[in-house]
């Protein structure tokens, strides 16, 4: 079964399914969309051999109410997702808040960071909750064109970050955010496999 990180449309995901996610993602902010809709979508995707690993709801902001965050976590669980994803908060109070909800629901929060990432950028969030985690991609700096690229070919210090996780013994998932253009003759699975191979080599 293919594992799908629902952060953006994927080629194997039916467009009508993506529309459903967008529609109910917006409704989640109103805390009223029936959770059963997400469970039905999980069943629909499973029939096509797709499982949901991560879900990015628009309900994890500083301005989001506790009820909205609670709802987003329940929606993720109904989809079968092990993680939700969001940009790494600038304020530690927000990563603590999200980490508390994550611990309550046993759902990881995968934090994005792009060219601002450093090998210590996640330290506060990771110390706050065992359910705060990482969602990584490699990217060139603005001076180098700002393109998203295969892991190991950009300016994000991914190797340093992974080595630090190993050194500090963080038992958390680190997911691959695939946003670069897929080369002709390849596909998303092959490209993620390349990134995973880079990660394994970086941890040796």
N, C-alpha and C. Protein backbone atom coordinates (compact mmCIF):
# COMPACT_ATOMS: atom_id res chain seq x y z
N UNK A 1 0.85 -1.20 0.00
CA UNK A 1 0.00 0.00 0.00
C UNK A 1 0.88 1.24 0.00
N UNK A 2 0.56 2.21 -0.83
CA UNK A 2 1.31 3.45 -0.88
C UNK A 2 0.96 4.33 0.31
N UNK A 3 1.97 4.91 0.95
CA UNK A 3 1.74 5.83 2.06
C UNK A 3 1.76 7.24 1.52
N UNK A 4 0.74 8.00 1.84
CA UNK A 4 0.59 9.34 1.29
C UNK A 4 0.68 10.40 2.37
N UNK A 5 1.57 11.36 2.14
CA UNK A 5 1.67 12.53 3.01
C UNK A 5 0.80 13.61 2.38
N UNK A 6 -0.34 13.91 2.98
CA UNK A 6 -1.26 14.86 2.37
C UNK A 6 -0.87 16.27 2.76
N UNK A 7 0.16 16.78 2.09
CA UNK A 7 0.57 18.16 2.26
C UNK A 7 0.30 18.92 0.97
N UNK A 8 0.13 18.20 -0.11
CA UNK A 8 -0.17 18.79 -1.42
C UNK A 8 -0.69 17.69 -2.31
N UNK A 9 -1.33 18.01 -3.47
CA UNK A 9 -1.85 16.97 -4.34
C UNK A 9 -0.74 16.04 -4.80
N UNK A 10 -1.06 14.74 -4.86
CA UNK A 10 -0.12 13.76 -5.40
C UNK A 10 -0.70 13.17 -6.66
N UNK A 11 0.18 12.75 -7.57
CA UNK A 11 -0.28 12.27 -8.87
C UNK A 11 -1.20 11.08 -8.77
N UNK A 12 -1.01 10.23 -7.73
CA UNK A 12 -1.82 9.04 -7.60
C UNK A 12 -3.11 9.28 -6.83
N UNK A 13 -3.31 10.49 -6.35
CA UNK A 13 -4.50 10.82 -5.56
C UNK A 13 -5.58 11.37 -6.47
N UNK A 14 -6.77 10.74 -6.52
CA UNK A 14 -7.85 11.25 -7.36
C UNK A 14 -8.17 12.70 -7.02
N UNK A 15 -8.39 13.50 -8.06
CA UNK A 15 -8.64 14.92 -7.83
C UNK A 15 -9.86 15.16 -6.97
N UNK A 16 -10.89 14.32 -7.13
CA UNK A 16 -12.08 14.53 -6.30
C UNK A 16 -11.77 14.28 -4.83
N UNK A 17 -10.83 13.36 -4.53
CA UNK A 17 -10.44 13.12 -3.14
C UNK A 17 -9.72 14.32 -2.57
N UNK A 18 -8.83 14.92 -3.40
CA UNK A 18 -8.11 16.10 -2.93
C UNK A 18 -9.08 17.25 -2.67
N UNK A 19 -10.11 17.37 -3.52
CA UNK A 19 -11.11 18.41 -3.31
C UNK A 19 -11.84 18.20 -2.00
N UNK A 20 -12.13 16.93 -1.69
CA UNK A 20 -12.80 16.62 -0.42
C UNK A 20 -11.94 17.05 0.75
N UNK A 21 -10.63 16.75 0.67
CA UNK A 21 -9.72 17.14 1.74
C UNK A 21 -9.69 18.65 1.93
N UNK A 22 -9.61 19.38 0.81
CA UNK A 22 -9.58 20.84 0.90
C UNK A 22 -10.87 21.36 1.53
N UNK A 23 -11.99 20.84 1.08
CA UNK A 23 -13.28 21.29 1.56
C UNK A 23 -13.41 21.05 3.06
N UNK A 24 -13.09 19.84 3.49
CA UNK A 24 -13.27 19.52 4.90
C UNK A 24 -12.15 20.09 5.75
N UNK A 25 -10.98 20.36 5.14
CA UNK A 25 -9.93 21.06 5.87
C UNK A 25 -10.40 22.45 6.26
N UNK A 26 -11.12 23.12 5.35
CA UNK A 26 -11.66 24.44 5.66
C UNK A 26 -12.75 24.34 6.72
N UNK A 27 -13.59 23.30 6.61
CA UNK A 27 -14.66 23.13 7.58
C UNK A 27 -14.11 22.83 8.97
N UNK A 28 -12.91 22.22 9.00
CA UNK A 28 -12.32 21.88 10.30
C UNK A 28 -12.11 23.13 11.14
N UNK A 29 -11.84 24.26 10.48
CA UNK A 29 -11.65 25.50 11.21
C UNK A 29 -12.93 25.94 11.90
N UNK A 30 -14.05 25.46 11.38
CA UNK A 30 -15.34 25.79 12.02
C UNK A 30 -15.74 24.71 13.01
N UNK A 31 -14.92 23.67 13.10
CA UNK A 31 -15.12 22.61 14.09
C UNK A 31 -16.42 21.84 13.92
N UNK A 32 -16.96 21.83 12.69
CA UNK A 32 -18.28 21.23 12.51
C UNK A 32 -18.32 20.10 11.50
N UNK A 33 -17.30 19.93 10.67
CA UNK A 33 -17.35 18.88 9.65
C UNK A 33 -17.43 17.51 10.32
N UNK A 34 -18.32 16.66 9.87
CA UNK A 34 -18.44 15.34 10.49
C UNK A 34 -17.15 14.55 10.33
N UNK A 35 -16.63 14.04 11.44
CA UNK A 35 -15.41 13.24 11.40
C UNK A 35 -15.60 12.02 10.50
N UNK A 36 -16.83 11.55 10.40
CA UNK A 36 -17.12 10.39 9.56
C UNK A 36 -16.71 10.61 8.12
N UNK A 37 -16.70 11.89 7.67
CA UNK A 37 -16.29 12.19 6.30
C UNK A 37 -14.82 11.82 6.09
N UNK A 38 -14.01 12.06 7.10
CA UNK A 38 -12.59 11.72 7.00
C UNK A 38 -12.40 10.21 7.01
N UNK A 39 -13.18 9.52 7.82
CA UNK A 39 -13.11 8.06 7.86
C UNK A 39 -13.53 7.48 6.52
N UNK A 40 -14.55 8.08 5.90
CA UNK A 40 -14.99 7.62 4.59
C UNK A 40 -13.91 7.84 3.54
N UNK A 41 -13.22 8.98 3.64
CA UNK A 41 -12.15 9.26 2.70
C UNK A 41 -11.00 8.26 2.88
N UNK A 42 -10.68 7.92 4.12
CA UNK A 42 -9.66 6.91 4.37
C UNK A 42 -10.03 5.61 3.67
N UNK A 43 -11.27 5.20 3.77
CA UNK A 43 -11.74 3.97 3.13
C UNK A 43 -11.63 4.08 1.62
N UNK A 44 -12.00 5.25 1.07
CA UNK A 44 -11.94 5.48 -0.37
C UNK A 44 -10.50 5.39 -0.87
N UNK A 45 -9.57 5.98 -0.15
CA UNK A 45 -8.17 5.94 -0.54
C UNK A 45 -7.60 4.53 -0.41
N UNK A 46 -7.99 3.84 0.66
CA UNK A 46 -7.50 2.48 0.88
C UNK A 46 -7.91 1.55 -0.27
N UNK A 47 -9.09 1.81 -0.84
CA UNK A 47 -9.56 0.99 -1.96
C UNK A 47 -8.65 1.15 -3.18
N UNK A 48 -7.90 2.27 -3.22
CA UNK A 48 -6.96 2.50 -4.31
C UNK A 48 -5.53 2.16 -3.90
N UNK A 49 -5.38 1.55 -2.73
CA UNK A 49 -4.05 1.16 -2.26
C UNK A 49 -3.26 2.29 -1.66
N UNK A 50 -3.94 3.33 -1.16
CA UNK A 50 -3.26 4.50 -0.61
C UNK A 50 -3.57 4.62 0.88
N UNK A 51 -2.53 4.76 1.69
CA UNK A 51 -2.70 5.06 3.10
C UNK A 51 -2.19 6.47 3.35
N UNK A 52 -2.70 7.11 4.37
CA UNK A 52 -2.33 8.48 4.69
C UNK A 52 -1.34 8.46 5.85
N UNK A 53 -0.13 8.96 5.62
CA UNK A 53 0.86 9.03 6.70
C UNK A 53 0.74 10.35 7.46
N UNK A 54 0.62 11.47 6.72
CA UNK A 54 0.58 12.78 7.36
C UNK A 54 -0.48 13.66 6.71
N UNK A 55 -1.04 14.54 7.49
CA UNK A 55 -2.13 15.42 7.05
C UNK A 55 -1.80 16.84 7.49
N UNK A 56 -1.94 17.81 6.58
CA UNK A 56 -1.65 19.20 6.91
C UNK A 56 -2.96 20.00 6.95
N UNK A 57 -3.57 20.11 8.12
CA UNK A 57 -4.80 20.89 8.25
C UNK A 57 -4.48 22.37 8.44
N UNK A 58 -5.39 23.21 8.04
CA UNK A 58 -5.20 24.66 8.24
C UNK A 58 -5.83 25.04 9.58
N UNK A 59 -5.36 24.39 10.63
CA UNK A 59 -5.98 24.61 11.93
C UNK A 59 -4.97 24.49 13.07
N UNK A 60 -3.70 24.76 12.76
CA UNK A 60 -2.65 24.62 13.77
C UNK A 60 -1.91 25.93 13.99
N UNK A 61 -2.57 27.03 13.71
CA UNK A 61 -1.96 28.35 13.83
C UNK A 61 -2.03 28.85 15.27
N UNK A 62 -1.28 29.92 15.52
CA UNK A 62 -1.39 30.58 16.83
C UNK A 62 -2.81 31.06 17.07
N UNK A 63 -3.46 31.49 15.99
CA UNK A 63 -4.81 32.04 16.11
C UNK A 63 -5.88 30.95 16.19
N UNK A 64 -5.52 29.69 15.96
CA UNK A 64 -6.49 28.60 16.02
C UNK A 64 -6.95 28.38 17.46
N UNK A 65 -8.22 28.10 17.61
CA UNK A 65 -8.75 27.81 18.94
C UNK A 65 -8.32 26.41 19.37
N UNK A 66 -8.41 26.14 20.66
CA UNK A 66 -8.11 24.80 21.15
C UNK A 66 -9.03 23.78 20.50
N UNK A 67 -10.28 24.15 20.31
CA UNK A 67 -11.25 23.23 19.69
C UNK A 67 -10.86 22.91 18.26
N UNK A 68 -10.35 23.90 17.53
CA UNK A 68 -9.91 23.65 16.15
C UNK A 68 -8.74 22.68 16.10
N UNK A 69 -7.78 22.87 17.01
CA UNK A 69 -6.61 21.99 17.04
C UNK A 69 -7.04 20.58 17.43
N UNK A 70 -7.92 20.48 18.39
CA UNK A 70 -8.44 19.20 18.83
C UNK A 70 -9.13 18.49 17.66
N UNK A 71 -9.94 19.25 16.92
CA UNK A 71 -10.64 18.70 15.77
C UNK A 71 -9.66 18.21 14.71
N UNK A 72 -8.62 19.01 14.44
CA UNK A 72 -7.63 18.65 13.43
C UNK A 72 -6.94 17.33 13.79
N UNK A 73 -6.63 17.15 15.06
CA UNK A 73 -6.00 15.90 15.50
C UNK A 73 -6.95 14.72 15.32
N UNK A 74 -8.21 14.91 15.64
CA UNK A 74 -9.20 13.85 15.46
C UNK A 74 -9.39 13.53 13.97
N UNK A 75 -9.35 14.56 13.13
CA UNK A 75 -9.47 14.33 11.69
C UNK A 75 -8.28 13.52 11.18
N UNK A 76 -7.09 13.84 11.66
CA UNK A 76 -5.89 13.08 11.26
C UNK A 76 -6.03 11.62 11.63
N UNK A 77 -6.50 11.36 12.84
CA UNK A 77 -6.67 9.97 13.28
C UNK A 77 -7.72 9.26 12.45
N UNK A 78 -8.79 9.96 12.09
CA UNK A 78 -9.82 9.35 11.27
C UNK A 78 -9.29 9.00 9.88
N UNK A 79 -8.33 9.78 9.39
CA UNK A 79 -7.70 9.48 8.10
C UNK A 79 -6.68 8.35 8.21
N UNK A 80 -6.33 7.99 9.44
CA UNK A 80 -5.31 6.97 9.65
C UNK A 80 -3.92 7.55 9.68
N UNK A 81 -3.81 8.88 9.73
CA UNK A 81 -2.50 9.53 9.70
C UNK A 81 -1.80 9.42 11.05
N UNK A 82 -0.50 9.24 11.00
CA UNK A 82 0.31 9.19 12.21
C UNK A 82 0.82 10.58 12.59
N UNK A 83 0.67 11.54 11.67
CA UNK A 83 1.27 12.87 11.89
C UNK A 83 0.42 13.95 11.23
N UNK A 84 0.47 15.14 11.82
CA UNK A 84 0.02 16.35 11.14
C UNK A 84 1.28 17.17 10.88
N UNK A 85 1.21 18.12 9.96
CA UNK A 85 2.40 18.93 9.66
C UNK A 85 2.05 20.41 9.67
N UNK A 86 3.05 21.22 10.02
CA UNK A 86 2.86 22.66 10.12
C UNK A 86 4.24 23.32 10.12
N UNK A 87 4.31 24.60 9.80
CA UNK A 87 5.57 25.32 9.88
C UNK A 87 6.06 25.38 11.32
N UNK A 88 7.36 25.30 11.51
CA UNK A 88 7.95 25.39 12.85
C UNK A 88 7.59 26.75 13.46
N UNK A 89 6.87 26.78 14.57
CA UNK A 89 6.46 28.06 15.15
C UNK A 89 7.65 28.90 15.60
N UNK A 90 7.50 30.20 15.47
CA UNK A 90 8.55 31.11 15.94
C UNK A 90 8.53 31.22 17.46
N UNK A 91 7.35 31.01 18.04
CA UNK A 91 7.21 31.14 19.49
C UNK A 91 7.17 29.77 20.16
N UNK A 92 8.01 29.54 21.15
CA UNK A 92 8.02 28.25 21.84
C UNK A 92 6.69 27.91 22.52
N UNK A 93 5.94 28.94 22.88
CA UNK A 93 4.64 28.69 23.51
C UNK A 93 3.71 27.92 22.57
N UNK A 94 3.82 28.20 21.26
CA UNK A 94 2.95 27.53 20.31
C UNK A 94 3.39 26.08 20.07
N UNK A 95 4.69 25.83 19.98
CA UNK A 95 5.12 24.43 19.79
C UNK A 95 4.82 23.62 21.06
N UNK A 96 4.87 24.27 22.22
CA UNK A 96 4.47 23.58 23.46
C UNK A 96 2.98 23.26 23.44
N UNK A 97 2.20 24.21 22.99
CA UNK A 97 0.75 24.02 22.90
C UNK A 97 0.41 22.87 21.97
N UNK A 98 1.02 22.87 20.77
CA UNK A 98 0.76 21.81 19.82
C UNK A 98 1.29 20.47 20.31
N UNK A 99 2.44 20.50 20.97
CA UNK A 99 3.00 19.28 21.52
C UNK A 99 2.10 18.65 22.57
N UNK A 100 1.46 19.48 23.36
CA UNK A 100 0.52 18.97 24.38
C UNK A 100 -0.67 18.29 23.71
N UNK A 101 -1.20 18.89 22.65
CA UNK A 101 -2.31 18.27 21.92
C UNK A 101 -1.85 16.97 21.26
N UNK A 102 -0.63 16.99 20.72
CA UNK A 102 -0.08 15.80 20.07
C UNK A 102 0.05 14.65 21.06
N UNK A 103 0.54 14.95 22.26
CA UNK A 103 0.68 13.92 23.29
C UNK A 103 -0.69 13.37 23.70
N UNK A 104 -1.65 14.26 23.78
CA UNK A 104 -3.01 13.85 24.14
C UNK A 104 -3.59 12.88 23.12
N UNK A 105 -3.36 13.16 21.83
CA UNK A 105 -3.95 12.36 20.77
C UNK A 105 -3.03 11.27 20.24
N UNK A 106 -1.76 11.26 20.69
CA UNK A 106 -0.76 10.31 20.19
C UNK A 106 -0.60 10.45 18.68
N UNK A 107 -0.56 11.70 18.23
CA UNK A 107 -0.34 12.04 16.83
C UNK A 107 0.87 12.96 16.77
N UNK A 108 1.84 12.64 15.94
CA UNK A 108 3.04 13.48 15.83
C UNK A 108 2.72 14.80 15.13
N UNK A 109 3.45 15.84 15.51
CA UNK A 109 3.43 17.11 14.78
C UNK A 109 4.76 17.23 14.05
N UNK A 110 4.73 17.13 12.73
CA UNK A 110 5.94 17.24 11.93
C UNK A 110 6.16 18.70 11.54
N UNK A 111 7.20 19.30 12.09
CA UNK A 111 7.45 20.72 11.85
C UNK A 111 8.31 20.93 10.61
N UNK A 112 7.84 21.82 9.72
CA UNK A 112 8.61 22.22 8.54
C UNK A 112 9.65 23.26 8.93
N UNK A 113 10.77 23.21 8.25
CA UNK A 113 11.71 24.33 8.24
C UNK A 113 12.44 24.23 6.91
N UNK A 114 12.67 25.36 6.28
CA UNK A 114 13.27 25.33 4.95
C UNK A 114 14.69 25.87 5.02
N UNK A 115 15.00 26.92 4.29
CA UNK A 115 16.39 27.40 4.31
C UNK A 115 16.77 28.04 5.64
N UNK A 116 15.79 28.28 6.50
CA UNK A 116 16.13 28.82 7.82
C UNK A 116 16.53 27.71 8.79
N UNK A 117 16.48 26.45 8.31
CA UNK A 117 16.79 25.34 9.19
C UNK A 117 18.26 25.34 9.60
N UNK A 118 18.49 24.97 10.85
CA UNK A 118 19.85 24.76 11.36
C UNK A 118 19.82 23.45 12.14
N UNK A 119 20.98 23.01 12.58
CA UNK A 119 21.00 21.75 13.32
C UNK A 119 20.45 21.90 14.74
N UNK A 120 20.08 23.11 15.14
CA UNK A 120 19.48 23.32 16.47
C UNK A 120 18.09 23.95 16.40
N UNK A 121 17.55 24.12 15.19
CA UNK A 121 16.28 24.85 15.03
C UNK A 121 15.11 24.19 15.77
N UNK A 122 15.14 22.88 15.89
CA UNK A 122 14.01 22.16 16.49
C UNK A 122 14.22 21.86 17.97
N UNK A 123 15.34 22.27 18.54
CA UNK A 123 15.69 21.85 19.90
C UNK A 123 14.58 22.11 20.91
N UNK A 124 14.02 23.30 20.89
CA UNK A 124 12.99 23.66 21.87
C UNK A 124 11.77 22.78 21.70
N UNK A 125 11.28 22.66 20.46
CA UNK A 125 10.07 21.87 20.21
C UNK A 125 10.27 20.41 20.58
N UNK A 126 11.42 19.84 20.23
CA UNK A 126 11.67 18.42 20.52
C UNK A 126 11.79 18.16 22.01
N UNK A 127 12.24 19.15 22.76
CA UNK A 127 12.35 19.00 24.21
C UNK A 127 10.99 19.13 24.90
N UNK A 128 10.03 19.72 24.20
CA UNK A 128 8.74 20.00 24.82
C UNK A 128 7.79 18.82 24.80
N UNK A 129 7.92 17.94 23.81
CA UNK A 129 6.99 16.83 23.68
C UNK A 129 7.61 15.70 22.87
N UNK A 130 7.39 14.45 23.27
CA UNK A 130 7.89 13.33 22.47
C UNK A 130 7.12 13.17 21.17
N UNK A 131 6.05 13.94 21.01
CA UNK A 131 5.25 13.88 19.78
C UNK A 131 5.52 15.06 18.84
N UNK A 132 6.44 15.93 19.22
CA UNK A 132 6.91 16.95 18.27
C UNK A 132 7.99 16.30 17.41
N UNK A 133 7.89 16.44 16.09
CA UNK A 133 8.83 15.77 15.20
C UNK A 133 9.20 16.68 14.04
N UNK A 134 9.75 16.09 12.97
CA UNK A 134 10.31 16.90 11.89
C UNK A 134 9.79 16.46 10.53
N UNK A 135 9.64 17.45 9.66
CA UNK A 135 9.16 17.26 8.29
C UNK A 135 10.16 18.04 7.43
N UNK A 136 11.03 17.35 6.71
CA UNK A 136 12.18 18.00 6.08
C UNK A 136 12.15 17.96 4.56
N UNK A 137 12.71 19.01 3.97
CA UNK A 137 13.02 18.99 2.54
C UNK A 137 14.35 19.71 2.36
N UNK A 138 15.00 19.44 1.23
CA UNK A 138 16.25 20.13 0.93
C UNK A 138 15.95 21.23 -0.08
N UNK A 139 16.69 22.33 0.07
CA UNK A 139 16.42 23.49 -0.78
C UNK A 139 17.69 24.33 -0.90
N UNK A 140 17.83 24.98 -2.04
CA UNK A 140 18.94 25.91 -2.24
C UNK A 140 18.61 27.23 -1.53
N UNK A 141 19.65 27.93 -1.11
CA UNK A 141 19.44 29.25 -0.54
C UNK A 141 18.97 30.21 -1.64
N UNK A 142 18.49 31.36 -1.24
CA UNK A 142 18.04 32.36 -2.21
C UNK A 142 19.17 32.73 -3.15
N UNK A 143 20.39 32.84 -2.61
CA UNK A 143 21.55 33.20 -3.43
C UNK A 143 21.88 32.12 -4.46
N UNK A 144 21.47 30.88 -4.18
CA UNK A 144 21.74 29.77 -5.09
C UNK A 144 20.53 29.37 -5.93
N UNK A 145 19.49 30.21 -5.91
CA UNK A 145 18.33 29.97 -6.76
C UNK A 145 17.06 29.55 -6.06
N UNK A 146 17.15 29.17 -4.77
CA UNK A 146 15.97 28.85 -3.93
C UNK A 146 15.15 27.66 -4.44
N UNK A 147 15.75 26.77 -5.23
CA UNK A 147 15.02 25.62 -5.76
C UNK A 147 14.93 24.50 -4.73
N UNK A 148 13.81 23.78 -4.71
CA UNK A 148 13.69 22.56 -3.93
C UNK A 148 14.43 21.46 -4.67
N UNK A 149 15.20 20.67 -3.95
CA UNK A 149 16.04 19.67 -4.60
C UNK A 149 16.05 18.36 -3.81
N UNK A 150 16.59 17.33 -4.45
CA UNK A 150 16.77 16.04 -3.81
C UNK A 150 17.63 16.19 -2.55
N UNK A 151 17.34 15.39 -1.52
CA UNK A 151 18.11 15.45 -0.28
C UNK A 151 19.59 15.28 -0.57
N UNK A 152 20.38 16.18 0.02
CA UNK A 152 21.83 16.13 -0.14
C UNK A 152 22.35 17.02 -1.24
N UNK A 153 21.45 17.64 -2.02
CA UNK A 153 21.88 18.48 -3.13
C UNK A 153 21.57 19.96 -2.91
N UNK A 154 21.01 20.27 -1.75
CA UNK A 154 20.68 21.66 -1.45
C UNK A 154 21.52 22.22 -0.31
N UNK A 155 21.04 23.30 0.28
CA UNK A 155 21.79 23.99 1.33
C UNK A 155 21.23 23.76 2.73
N UNK A 156 20.14 23.01 2.84
CA UNK A 156 19.61 22.67 4.15
C UNK A 156 20.57 21.67 4.81
N UNK A 157 20.97 21.91 6.06
CA UNK A 157 21.95 21.03 6.71
C UNK A 157 21.34 19.71 7.18
N UNK A 158 20.79 18.95 6.25
CA UNK A 158 20.06 17.73 6.61
C UNK A 158 20.96 16.71 7.31
N UNK A 159 22.17 16.52 6.80
CA UNK A 159 23.07 15.54 7.43
C UNK A 159 23.35 15.93 8.88
N UNK A 160 23.64 17.21 9.13
CA UNK A 160 23.91 17.67 10.48
C UNK A 160 22.71 17.46 11.39
N UNK A 161 21.53 17.73 10.85
CA UNK A 161 20.30 17.58 11.63
C UNK A 161 20.09 16.12 12.01
N UNK A 162 20.23 15.22 11.04
CA UNK A 162 20.04 13.80 11.31
C UNK A 162 21.08 13.26 12.29
N UNK A 163 22.32 13.71 12.14
CA UNK A 163 23.36 13.29 13.07
C UNK A 163 23.08 13.76 14.49
N UNK A 164 22.53 14.98 14.60
CA UNK A 164 22.20 15.50 15.92
C UNK A 164 21.07 14.70 16.56
N UNK A 165 20.07 14.32 15.77
CA UNK A 165 18.99 13.49 16.29
C UNK A 165 19.54 12.16 16.81
N UNK A 166 20.47 11.60 16.05
CA UNK A 166 21.08 10.33 16.46
C UNK A 166 21.87 10.52 17.75
N UNK A 167 22.65 11.60 17.82
CA UNK A 167 23.47 11.86 19.01
C UNK A 167 22.61 12.05 20.25
N UNK A 168 21.49 12.77 20.08
CA UNK A 168 20.62 13.06 21.23
C UNK A 168 19.59 11.96 21.48
N UNK A 169 19.61 10.94 20.61
CA UNK A 169 18.73 9.78 20.77
C UNK A 169 17.25 10.16 20.75
N UNK A 170 16.88 11.06 19.83
CA UNK A 170 15.47 11.40 19.66
C UNK A 170 14.77 10.27 18.90
N UNK A 171 13.81 9.63 19.53
CA UNK A 171 13.08 8.53 18.89
C UNK A 171 11.84 9.08 18.20
N UNK A 172 12.05 9.85 17.14
CA UNK A 172 10.94 10.49 16.43
C UNK A 172 11.04 10.19 14.94
N UNK A 173 9.90 10.23 14.23
CA UNK A 173 9.97 10.09 12.78
C UNK A 173 10.41 11.41 12.14
N UNK A 174 11.16 11.30 11.06
CA UNK A 174 11.51 12.46 10.23
C UNK A 174 11.01 12.15 8.83
N UNK A 175 10.01 12.89 8.36
CA UNK A 175 9.41 12.56 7.07
C UNK A 175 10.01 13.40 5.95
N UNK A 176 10.00 12.82 4.75
CA UNK A 176 10.52 13.47 3.55
C UNK A 176 9.41 14.29 2.91
N UNK A 177 9.65 15.59 2.75
CA UNK A 177 8.71 16.44 2.02
C UNK A 177 9.19 16.52 0.57
N UNK A 178 8.49 15.87 -0.32
CA UNK A 178 8.89 15.83 -1.73
C UNK A 178 8.23 16.98 -2.47
N UNK A 179 9.01 18.04 -2.74
CA UNK A 179 8.46 19.21 -3.43
C UNK A 179 9.26 19.59 -4.67
N UNK A 180 10.36 18.90 -4.93
CA UNK A 180 11.12 19.26 -6.12
C UNK A 180 10.52 18.58 -7.36
N UNK A 181 10.85 19.11 -8.52
CA UNK A 181 10.33 18.56 -9.77
C UNK A 181 10.87 17.15 -9.98
N UNK A 182 10.00 16.21 -10.24
CA UNK A 182 10.41 14.83 -10.46
C UNK A 182 11.02 14.69 -11.85
N UNK A 183 12.24 14.16 -11.94
CA UNK A 183 12.88 14.04 -13.25
C UNK A 183 12.12 13.11 -14.18
N UNK A 184 12.25 13.35 -15.46
CA UNK A 184 11.61 12.50 -16.46
C UNK A 184 12.12 11.07 -16.30
N UNK A 185 11.18 10.13 -16.34
CA UNK A 185 11.54 8.73 -16.20
C UNK A 185 11.53 8.24 -14.76
N UNK A 186 11.33 9.14 -13.82
CA UNK A 186 11.27 8.76 -12.41
C UNK A 186 9.85 8.94 -11.90
N UNK A 187 9.64 8.73 -10.62
CA UNK A 187 8.34 8.96 -10.00
C UNK A 187 8.55 9.30 -8.53
N UNK A 188 7.48 9.62 -7.84
CA UNK A 188 7.58 10.06 -6.44
C UNK A 188 8.20 8.99 -5.55
N UNK A 189 7.83 7.74 -5.76
CA UNK A 189 8.37 6.66 -4.92
C UNK A 189 9.88 6.54 -5.11
N UNK A 190 10.34 6.60 -6.35
CA UNK A 190 11.78 6.50 -6.62
C UNK A 190 12.54 7.68 -6.00
N UNK A 191 11.95 8.87 -6.06
CA UNK A 191 12.64 10.04 -5.53
C UNK A 191 12.69 10.02 -4.00
N UNK A 192 11.62 9.58 -3.37
CA UNK A 192 11.64 9.46 -1.91
C UNK A 192 12.67 8.39 -1.50
N UNK A 193 12.76 7.32 -2.29
CA UNK A 193 13.75 6.28 -2.02
C UNK A 193 15.17 6.85 -2.04
N UNK A 194 15.43 7.76 -2.98
CA UNK A 194 16.75 8.42 -3.04
C UNK A 194 17.01 9.21 -1.76
N UNK A 195 15.99 9.94 -1.32
CA UNK A 195 16.15 10.77 -0.12
C UNK A 195 16.37 9.90 1.12
N UNK A 196 15.66 8.77 1.19
CA UNK A 196 15.83 7.86 2.32
C UNK A 196 17.24 7.26 2.29
N UNK A 197 17.74 6.94 1.10
CA UNK A 197 19.10 6.39 0.97
C UNK A 197 20.12 7.41 1.47
N UNK A 198 19.89 8.70 1.14
CA UNK A 198 20.78 9.75 1.64
C UNK A 198 20.74 9.80 3.16
N UNK A 199 19.55 9.69 3.74
CA UNK A 199 19.40 9.75 5.19
C UNK A 199 20.13 8.59 5.85
N UNK A 200 20.00 7.39 5.29
CA UNK A 200 20.66 6.22 5.87
C UNK A 200 22.18 6.40 5.83
N UNK A 201 22.69 6.91 4.70
CA UNK A 201 24.14 7.13 4.58
C UNK A 201 24.61 8.21 5.55
N UNK A 202 23.77 9.23 5.76
CA UNK A 202 24.13 10.32 6.65
C UNK A 202 24.22 9.86 8.11
N UNK A 203 23.51 8.80 8.42
CA UNK A 203 23.46 8.32 9.80
C UNK A 203 24.51 7.24 10.10
N UNK A 204 25.27 6.85 9.09
CA UNK A 204 26.30 5.83 9.29
C UNK A 204 27.49 6.40 10.06
